[in-house]
Amino acid sequence: MAVKDVLTLDFECGRTPLFVRQTVAVAFGIPLGQEFTWDSLISLACDAVRASPPRRISVLSLVYLGVVMPDEAEGVSRLLQALRRMHPALDISVALNR
């Protein structure tokens, strides 16, 4: 699993939990073809970042996600918090508007 130097999570087109979780999986280089709970996805993403940390993570449309799928937005927030604990110097930006 190789993570990019600059990783972007764009949830603008998100309409389902499956879209959100697959967007996260693809961004972190996690193979699809399995069902993801947030606990398993966070664990897999943290493993990917541990192996190859990005320099920056940019998150787009998280506010939108919070309105249409608050549980998924909470999962993304938990992921970002876990990554921040692992790599305090990681540059994480969340765009309020797109």
Protein backbone atom coordinates (compact mmCIF):
# COMPACT_ATOMS: atom_id res chain seq x y z
CA MET A 1 0.00 0.00 0.00
CA ALA A 2 1.65 3.20 -1.14
CA VAL A 3 0.27 6.53 -0.02
CA LYS A 4 0.74 9.63 -2.17
CA ASP A 5 2.81 12.63 -1.05
CA VAL A 6 -0.29 14.86 -1.16
CA LEU A 7 -3.51 13.00 -0.48
CA THR A 8 -6.94 14.49 -1.27
CA LEU A 9 -10.24 13.24 0.12
CA ASP A 10 -13.08 14.78 -1.91
CA PHE A 11 -16.58 14.00 -0.67
CA GLU A 12 -18.48 16.46 -2.87
CA CYS A 13 -20.22 13.70 -4.85
CA GLY A 14 -20.83 11.53 -1.81
CA ARG A 15 -24.37 10.22 -1.59
CA THR A 16 -23.83 6.91 0.19
CA PRO A 17 -21.67 5.52 3.00
CA LEU A 18 -20.16 3.11 0.45
CA PHE A 19 -18.91 6.06 -1.65
CA VAL A 20 -17.35 7.72 1.40
CA ARG A 21 -15.58 4.60 2.62
CA GLN A 22 -14.37 3.62 -0.83
CA THR A 23 -13.07 7.15 -1.40
CA VAL A 24 -11.01 6.83 1.77
CA ALA A 25 -9.81 3.34 0.87
CA VAL A 26 -8.72 4.34 -2.64
CA ALA A 27 -6.93 7.46 -1.36
CA PHE A 28 -4.89 5.39 1.08
CA GLY A 29 -4.18 2.60 -1.42
CA ILE A 30 -6.37 0.04 0.34
CA PRO A 31 -7.73 -2.61 -2.03
CA LEU A 32 -11.49 -2.60 -2.52
CA GLY A 33 -13.50 -5.81 -2.53
CA GLN A 34 -14.25 -5.95 1.15
CA GLU A 35 -16.76 -4.34 3.46
CA PHE A 36 -15.27 -1.59 5.61
CA THR A 37 -16.34 -0.61 9.08
CA TRP A 38 -14.84 2.64 10.31
CA ASP A 39 -12.73 0.75 12.83
CA SER A 40 -11.24 -1.52 10.15
CA LEU A 41 -10.80 1.34 7.68
CA ILE A 42 -9.04 3.53 10.24
CA SER A 43 -6.73 0.66 11.13
CA LEU A 44 -5.89 -0.04 7.47
CA ALA A 45 -5.37 3.65 6.68
CA CYS A 46 -3.09 4.08 9.70
CA ASP A 47 -1.06 1.05 8.57
CA ALA A 48 -0.74 2.59 5.09
CA VAL A 49 0.38 5.93 6.53
CA ARG A 50 2.82 4.21 8.88
CA ALA A 51 4.41 2.52 5.85
CA SER A 52 4.43 5.63 3.65
CA PRO A 53 3.27 8.88 5.27
CA PRO A 54 1.94 11.64 3.01
CA ARG A 55 3.27 15.15 3.44
CA ARG A 56 -0.22 16.64 3.36
CA ILE A 57 -3.87 15.58 3.50
CA SER A 58 -6.53 17.84 2.03
CA VAL A 59 -10.20 17.18 2.81
CA LEU A 60 -12.92 18.66 0.62
CA SER A 61 -16.66 18.85 1.33
CA LEU A 62 -16.49 17.50 4.90
CA VAL A 63 -19.12 20.08 5.95
CA TYR A 64 -21.44 18.80 3.21
CA LEU A 65 -20.81 15.26 4.36
CA GLY A 66 -21.67 16.28 7.92
CA VAL A 67 -25.06 17.51 6.74
CA VAL A 68 -26.04 14.59 4.52
CA MET A 69 -24.28 11.73 6.36
CA PRO A 70 -23.24 12.77 9.86
CA ASP A 71 -22.11 9.26 10.84
CA GLU A 72 -19.74 9.13 7.87
CA ALA A 73 -18.40 12.60 8.66
CA GLU A 74 -17.74 11.37 12.21
CA GLY A 75 -15.82 8.39 10.79
CA VAL A 76 -13.68 10.68 8.63
CA SER A 77 -13.05 12.92 11.65
CA ARG A 78 -11.99 9.91 13.73
CA LEU A 79 -9.60 8.88 10.97
CA LEU A 80 -8.05 12.35 10.79
CA GLN A 81 -7.66 12.43 14.58
CA ALA A 82 -5.94 9.03 14.56
CA LEU A 83 -3.57 10.18 11.82
CA ARG A 84 -2.81 13.39 13.70
CA ARG A 85 -1.93 11.38 16.82
CA MET A 86 0.40 9.16 14.77
CA HIS A 87 2.06 12.03 12.90
CA PRO A 88 1.66 15.35 14.75
CA ALA A 89 3.54 17.21 12.00
CA LEU A 90 1.22 15.95 9.25
CA ASP A 91 -0.38 18.90 7.43
CA ILE A 92 -4.15 18.25 7.41
CA SER A 93 -6.38 20.89 5.85
CA VAL A 94 -10.17 20.86 5.72
CA ALA A 95 -11.74 23.21 3.18
CA LEU A 96 -14.92 24.81 4.49
CA ASN A 97 -16.21 25.64 1.01
CA ARG A 98 -15.33 24.35 -2.36
